[in-house]
N, C-alpha and C. Protein backbone atom coordinates (compact mmCIF):
# COMPACT_ATOMS: atom_id res chain seq x y z
N UNK A 1 -39.85 -28.89 -14.96
CA UNK A 1 -39.30 -27.93 -15.88
C UNK A 1 -39.05 -28.64 -17.21
N UNK A 2 -39.29 -27.92 -18.26
CA UNK A 2 -39.11 -28.48 -19.59
C UNK A 2 -37.63 -28.76 -19.84
N UNK A 3 -37.35 -29.82 -20.57
CA UNK A 3 -35.99 -30.26 -20.79
C UNK A 3 -35.16 -29.22 -21.56
N UNK A 4 -35.76 -28.51 -22.50
CA UNK A 4 -35.00 -27.53 -23.26
C UNK A 4 -34.56 -26.35 -22.39
N UNK A 5 -35.37 -26.00 -21.38
CA UNK A 5 -34.97 -24.93 -20.46
C UNK A 5 -33.82 -25.38 -19.55
N UNK A 6 -33.85 -26.64 -19.18
CA UNK A 6 -32.76 -27.18 -18.35
C UNK A 6 -31.44 -27.09 -19.10
N UNK A 7 -31.45 -27.52 -20.37
CA UNK A 7 -30.23 -27.44 -21.17
C UNK A 7 -29.80 -25.99 -21.38
N UNK A 8 -30.75 -25.11 -21.58
CA UNK A 8 -30.44 -23.70 -21.79
C UNK A 8 -29.79 -23.10 -20.54
N UNK A 9 -30.32 -23.42 -19.37
CA UNK A 9 -29.74 -22.91 -18.13
C UNK A 9 -28.34 -23.47 -17.88
N UNK A 10 -28.16 -24.77 -18.14
CA UNK A 10 -26.84 -25.37 -17.98
C UNK A 10 -25.85 -24.76 -18.98
N UNK A 11 -26.30 -24.50 -20.18
CA UNK A 11 -25.45 -23.88 -21.20
C UNK A 11 -25.07 -22.46 -20.81
N UNK A 12 -26.04 -21.72 -20.28
CA UNK A 12 -25.76 -20.35 -19.84
C UNK A 12 -24.77 -20.35 -18.68
N UNK A 13 -24.93 -21.26 -17.75
CA UNK A 13 -24.02 -21.34 -16.61
C UNK A 13 -22.61 -21.71 -17.08
N UNK A 14 -22.51 -22.68 -17.98
CA UNK A 14 -21.20 -23.09 -18.49
C UNK A 14 -20.57 -21.95 -19.29
N UNK A 15 -21.36 -21.24 -20.06
CA UNK A 15 -20.84 -20.11 -20.83
C UNK A 15 -20.35 -18.99 -19.93
N UNK A 16 -21.10 -18.70 -18.88
CA UNK A 16 -20.68 -17.66 -17.93
C UNK A 16 -19.38 -18.05 -17.24
N UNK A 17 -19.26 -19.32 -16.85
CA UNK A 17 -18.04 -19.79 -16.21
C UNK A 17 -16.86 -19.71 -17.17
N UNK A 18 -17.08 -20.13 -18.41
CA UNK A 18 -16.01 -20.08 -19.40
C UNK A 18 -15.60 -18.64 -19.69
N UNK A 19 -16.57 -17.74 -19.78
CA UNK A 19 -16.28 -16.33 -20.02
C UNK A 19 -15.45 -15.75 -18.88
N UNK A 20 -15.81 -16.08 -17.63
CA UNK A 20 -15.06 -15.58 -16.48
C UNK A 20 -13.63 -16.12 -16.48
N UNK A 21 -13.48 -17.38 -16.78
CA UNK A 21 -12.14 -17.98 -16.79
C UNK A 21 -11.28 -17.35 -17.87
N UNK A 22 -11.82 -17.22 -19.06
CA UNK A 22 -11.07 -16.62 -20.16
C UNK A 22 -10.78 -15.15 -19.88
N UNK A 23 -11.75 -14.44 -19.35
CA UNK A 23 -11.58 -13.01 -19.07
C UNK A 23 -10.51 -12.74 -18.04
N UNK A 24 -10.51 -13.49 -16.94
CA UNK A 24 -9.52 -13.27 -15.88
C UNK A 24 -8.16 -13.85 -16.23
N UNK A 25 -8.13 -14.90 -17.05
CA UNK A 25 -6.86 -15.53 -17.40
C UNK A 25 -6.15 -14.79 -18.53
N UNK A 26 -6.87 -14.56 -19.64
CA UNK A 26 -6.22 -13.97 -20.81
C UNK A 26 -6.78 -12.61 -21.20
N UNK A 27 -7.92 -12.25 -20.68
CA UNK A 27 -8.57 -11.03 -21.12
C UNK A 27 -8.11 -9.77 -20.42
N UNK A 28 -7.29 -9.90 -19.39
CA UNK A 28 -6.80 -8.72 -18.70
C UNK A 28 -7.72 -8.22 -17.61
N UNK A 29 -8.79 -8.96 -17.32
CA UNK A 29 -9.67 -8.55 -16.23
C UNK A 29 -8.93 -8.73 -14.92
N UNK A 30 -9.28 -7.93 -13.92
CA UNK A 30 -8.70 -8.11 -12.60
C UNK A 30 -9.69 -7.63 -11.54
N UNK A 31 -9.46 -8.10 -10.35
CA UNK A 31 -10.33 -7.70 -9.25
C UNK A 31 -9.92 -6.31 -8.77
N UNK A 32 -10.78 -5.70 -8.00
CA UNK A 32 -10.50 -4.37 -7.47
C UNK A 32 -9.25 -4.39 -6.60
N UNK A 33 -9.11 -5.40 -5.76
CA UNK A 33 -7.93 -5.45 -4.88
C UNK A 33 -6.65 -5.65 -5.67
N UNK A 34 -6.70 -6.43 -6.75
CA UNK A 34 -5.51 -6.61 -7.58
C UNK A 34 -5.14 -5.29 -8.27
N UNK A 35 -6.13 -4.55 -8.72
CA UNK A 35 -5.87 -3.25 -9.36
C UNK A 35 -5.28 -2.26 -8.36
N UNK A 36 -5.79 -2.27 -7.12
CA UNK A 36 -5.26 -1.38 -6.11
C UNK A 36 -3.81 -1.74 -5.77
N UNK A 37 -3.52 -3.02 -5.67
CA UNK A 37 -2.16 -3.47 -5.40
C UNK A 37 -1.22 -3.04 -6.52
N UNK A 38 -1.67 -3.21 -7.76
CA UNK A 38 -0.86 -2.82 -8.90
C UNK A 38 -0.61 -1.32 -8.92
N UNK A 39 -1.62 -0.54 -8.58
CA UNK A 39 -1.44 0.92 -8.59
C UNK A 39 -0.52 1.37 -7.46
N UNK A 40 -0.60 0.72 -6.30
CA UNK A 40 0.32 1.05 -5.20
C UNK A 40 1.76 0.75 -5.59
N UNK A 41 1.97 -0.38 -6.23
CA UNK A 41 3.33 -0.75 -6.66
C UNK A 41 3.86 0.23 -7.69
N UNK A 42 3.00 0.66 -8.61
CA UNK A 42 3.42 1.63 -9.63
C UNK A 42 3.76 2.98 -9.00
N UNK A 43 2.95 3.40 -8.03
CA UNK A 43 3.21 4.68 -7.36
C UNK A 43 4.51 4.61 -6.56
N UNK A 44 4.74 3.49 -5.89
CA UNK A 44 5.97 3.30 -5.12
C UNK A 44 7.19 3.35 -6.05
N UNK A 45 7.10 2.65 -7.15
CA UNK A 45 8.20 2.62 -8.11
C UNK A 45 8.48 4.02 -8.68
N UNK A 46 7.42 4.75 -8.99
CA UNK A 46 7.59 6.11 -9.52
C UNK A 46 8.22 7.03 -8.48
N UNK A 47 7.84 6.87 -7.22
CA UNK A 47 8.41 7.68 -6.15
C UNK A 47 9.91 7.41 -6.01
N UNK A 48 10.26 6.14 -6.02
CA UNK A 48 11.68 5.77 -5.91
C UNK A 48 12.47 6.35 -7.08
N UNK A 49 11.94 6.21 -8.29
CA UNK A 49 12.65 6.71 -9.48
C UNK A 49 12.77 8.23 -9.46
N UNK A 50 11.80 8.91 -8.89
CA UNK A 50 11.85 10.37 -8.83
C UNK A 50 12.84 10.87 -7.79
N UNK A 51 12.95 10.15 -6.66
CA UNK A 51 13.80 10.60 -5.57
C UNK A 51 15.23 10.07 -5.65
N UNK A 52 15.46 9.05 -6.44
CA UNK A 52 16.80 8.46 -6.56
C UNK A 52 17.85 9.48 -7.02
N UNK A 53 17.59 10.29 -8.04
CA UNK A 53 18.61 11.27 -8.45
C UNK A 53 18.96 12.27 -7.35
N UNK A 54 18.01 12.59 -6.50
CA UNK A 54 18.28 13.53 -5.39
C UNK A 54 19.25 12.90 -4.41
N UNK A 55 19.06 11.63 -4.12
CA UNK A 55 19.96 10.92 -3.21
C UNK A 55 21.37 10.87 -3.78
N UNK A 56 21.49 10.55 -5.05
CA UNK A 56 22.81 10.48 -5.68
C UNK A 56 23.46 11.86 -5.69
N UNK A 57 22.67 12.90 -5.96
CA UNK A 57 23.21 14.27 -5.96
C UNK A 57 23.67 14.67 -4.57
N UNK A 58 22.91 14.29 -3.54
CA UNK A 58 23.32 14.58 -2.16
C UNK A 58 24.65 13.89 -1.84
N UNK A 59 24.79 12.67 -2.29
CA UNK A 59 26.04 11.95 -2.08
C UNK A 59 27.20 12.66 -2.78
N UNK A 60 26.98 13.07 -4.02
CA UNK A 60 28.05 13.69 -4.81
C UNK A 60 28.44 15.08 -4.27
N UNK A 61 27.56 15.70 -3.49
CA UNK A 61 27.88 16.99 -2.87
C UNK A 61 28.60 16.84 -1.54
N UNK A 62 28.75 15.64 -1.06
CA UNK A 62 29.43 15.41 0.21
C UNK A 62 30.88 15.86 0.09
N UNK A 63 31.43 16.49 1.14
CA UNK A 63 32.80 17.01 1.05
C UNK A 63 33.85 15.91 0.87
N UNK A 64 33.59 14.74 1.39
CA UNK A 64 34.57 13.65 1.31
C UNK A 64 34.02 12.52 0.43
N UNK A 65 33.53 12.86 -0.74
CA UNK A 65 32.85 11.91 -1.61
C UNK A 65 33.73 10.72 -1.99
N UNK A 66 35.01 10.96 -2.24
CA UNK A 66 35.89 9.86 -2.64
C UNK A 66 36.09 8.86 -1.50
N UNK A 67 36.26 9.37 -0.29
CA UNK A 67 36.42 8.51 0.88
C UNK A 67 35.13 7.72 1.14
N UNK A 68 34.00 8.41 1.03
CA UNK A 68 32.71 7.75 1.27
C UNK A 68 32.45 6.66 0.22
N UNK A 69 32.77 6.95 -1.04
CA UNK A 69 32.56 5.97 -2.09
C UNK A 69 33.44 4.75 -1.89
N UNK A 70 34.67 4.98 -1.49
CA UNK A 70 35.58 3.85 -1.22
C UNK A 70 35.06 3.01 -0.07
N UNK A 71 34.56 3.68 0.98
CA UNK A 71 34.01 2.94 2.12
C UNK A 71 32.77 2.16 1.72
N UNK A 72 31.92 2.76 0.89
CA UNK A 72 30.71 2.08 0.44
C UNK A 72 31.03 0.86 -0.40
N UNK A 73 32.03 0.97 -1.25
CA UNK A 73 32.39 -0.15 -2.13
C UNK A 73 33.02 -1.31 -1.37
N UNK A 74 33.55 -1.05 -0.19
CA UNK A 74 34.14 -2.12 0.62
C UNK A 74 33.07 -2.97 1.31
N UNK A 75 31.85 -2.46 1.38
CA UNK A 75 30.78 -3.18 2.07
C UNK A 75 30.24 -4.28 1.16
N UNK A 76 30.18 -5.51 1.69
CA UNK A 76 29.79 -6.67 0.89
C UNK A 76 28.28 -6.90 0.83
N UNK A 77 27.56 -6.54 1.86
CA UNK A 77 26.14 -6.89 1.95
C UNK A 77 25.26 -5.69 1.67
N UNK A 78 24.20 -5.93 0.90
CA UNK A 78 23.27 -4.86 0.52
C UNK A 78 22.65 -4.19 1.74
N UNK A 79 22.31 -4.97 2.74
CA UNK A 79 21.68 -4.39 3.94
C UNK A 79 22.63 -3.45 4.66
N UNK A 80 23.92 -3.77 4.66
CA UNK A 80 24.90 -2.88 5.29
C UNK A 80 25.12 -1.62 4.46
N UNK A 81 25.08 -1.76 3.11
CA UNK A 81 25.17 -0.58 2.25
C UNK A 81 23.98 0.35 2.48
N UNK A 82 22.80 -0.24 2.61
CA UNK A 82 21.60 0.56 2.86
C UNK A 82 21.71 1.29 4.20
N UNK A 83 22.24 0.62 5.22
CA UNK A 83 22.43 1.26 6.52
C UNK A 83 23.43 2.40 6.41
N UNK A 84 24.48 2.20 5.62
CA UNK A 84 25.50 3.22 5.40
C UNK A 84 24.86 4.47 4.77
N UNK A 85 24.03 4.27 3.75
CA UNK A 85 23.36 5.39 3.07
C UNK A 85 22.35 6.04 4.01
N UNK A 86 21.60 5.23 4.75
CA UNK A 86 20.59 5.78 5.68
C UNK A 86 21.27 6.61 6.78
N UNK A 87 22.37 6.10 7.32
CA UNK A 87 23.08 6.82 8.39
C UNK A 87 23.69 8.13 7.89
N UNK A 88 24.12 8.14 6.63
CA UNK A 88 24.70 9.36 6.05
C UNK A 88 23.62 10.37 5.66
N UNK A 89 22.38 9.93 5.65
CA UNK A 89 21.21 10.79 5.35
C UNK A 89 21.23 11.39 3.95
N UNK A 90 21.82 10.68 2.98
CA UNK A 90 21.81 11.16 1.61
C UNK A 90 20.43 11.03 0.99
N UNK A 91 19.63 10.09 1.46
CA UNK A 91 18.30 9.87 0.89
C UNK A 91 17.23 10.72 1.57
N UNK A 92 17.61 11.52 2.54
CA UNK A 92 16.64 12.36 3.26
C UNK A 92 16.33 13.59 2.41
N UNK A 93 15.06 13.83 2.21
CA UNK A 93 14.59 14.98 1.45
C UNK A 93 13.81 15.88 2.41
N UNK A 94 14.21 17.11 2.54
CA UNK A 94 13.56 18.13 3.38
C UNK A 94 13.32 17.66 4.82
N UNK A 95 14.29 17.03 5.42
CA UNK A 95 14.22 16.70 6.82
C UNK A 95 13.33 15.53 7.19
N UNK A 96 12.66 14.92 6.24
CA UNK A 96 11.78 13.80 6.56
C UNK A 96 12.54 12.49 6.42
N UNK A 97 11.90 11.43 6.84
CA UNK A 97 12.49 10.11 6.66
C UNK A 97 12.44 9.76 5.18
N UNK A 98 13.45 9.06 4.67
CA UNK A 98 13.43 8.71 3.25
C UNK A 98 12.29 7.75 2.93
N UNK A 99 11.75 7.88 1.74
CA UNK A 99 10.67 7.00 1.30
C UNK A 99 11.18 5.57 1.24
N UNK A 100 10.30 4.65 1.54
CA UNK A 100 10.65 3.24 1.50
C UNK A 100 11.15 2.87 0.11
N UNK A 101 12.25 2.24 0.03
CA UNK A 101 12.80 1.83 -1.25
C UNK A 101 13.83 2.79 -1.81
N UNK A 102 13.78 4.06 -1.41
CA UNK A 102 14.73 5.04 -1.94
C UNK A 102 16.13 4.72 -1.44
N UNK A 103 16.25 4.38 -0.18
CA UNK A 103 17.57 4.06 0.39
C UNK A 103 18.15 2.85 -0.32
N UNK A 104 17.32 1.83 -0.54
CA UNK A 104 17.80 0.61 -1.22
C UNK A 104 18.29 0.94 -2.62
N UNK A 105 17.48 1.67 -3.37
CA UNK A 105 17.85 2.01 -4.74
C UNK A 105 19.07 2.92 -4.78
N UNK A 106 19.16 3.83 -3.84
CA UNK A 106 20.29 4.75 -3.78
C UNK A 106 21.59 3.99 -3.47
N UNK A 107 21.54 3.10 -2.51
CA UNK A 107 22.72 2.30 -2.16
C UNK A 107 23.17 1.48 -3.35
N UNK A 108 22.23 0.91 -4.08
CA UNK A 108 22.57 0.12 -5.26
C UNK A 108 23.18 1.00 -6.35
N UNK A 109 22.59 2.17 -6.56
CA UNK A 109 23.11 3.08 -7.60
C UNK A 109 24.49 3.60 -7.24
N UNK A 110 24.70 3.94 -5.97
CA UNK A 110 26.01 4.44 -5.55
C UNK A 110 27.07 3.37 -5.64
N UNK A 111 26.69 2.14 -5.37
CA UNK A 111 27.65 1.04 -5.44
C UNK A 111 28.11 0.81 -6.88
N UNK A 112 27.28 1.21 -7.86
CA UNK A 112 27.64 1.05 -9.27
C UNK A 112 28.51 2.18 -9.80
N UNK A 113 28.66 3.26 -9.02
CA UNK A 113 29.49 4.39 -9.48
C UNK A 113 30.94 3.98 -9.62
């Protein structure tokens, strides 16, 4: 093979590698699986944000809201607060199980009241 073609091929290979590195590092390119993961996370976050006000409203409609809030504030651990909210079924929408993350976000929001 002629020497100039060898250099041209090596240059093209190096350029392609550099383009891929720059594109994936700084250019915002991503793989299909990374894009799917990002879209799942965005959908999950949007679901939690949409359902969180319903959970808080369900809590505020409870007949003994002051007692429940005092009991919730006495709980030290986030996992126990989440269990408290899950057992009270404030995060349940239309009889189904609460969406993943809604109970966590609701317990955190109620603890801040």
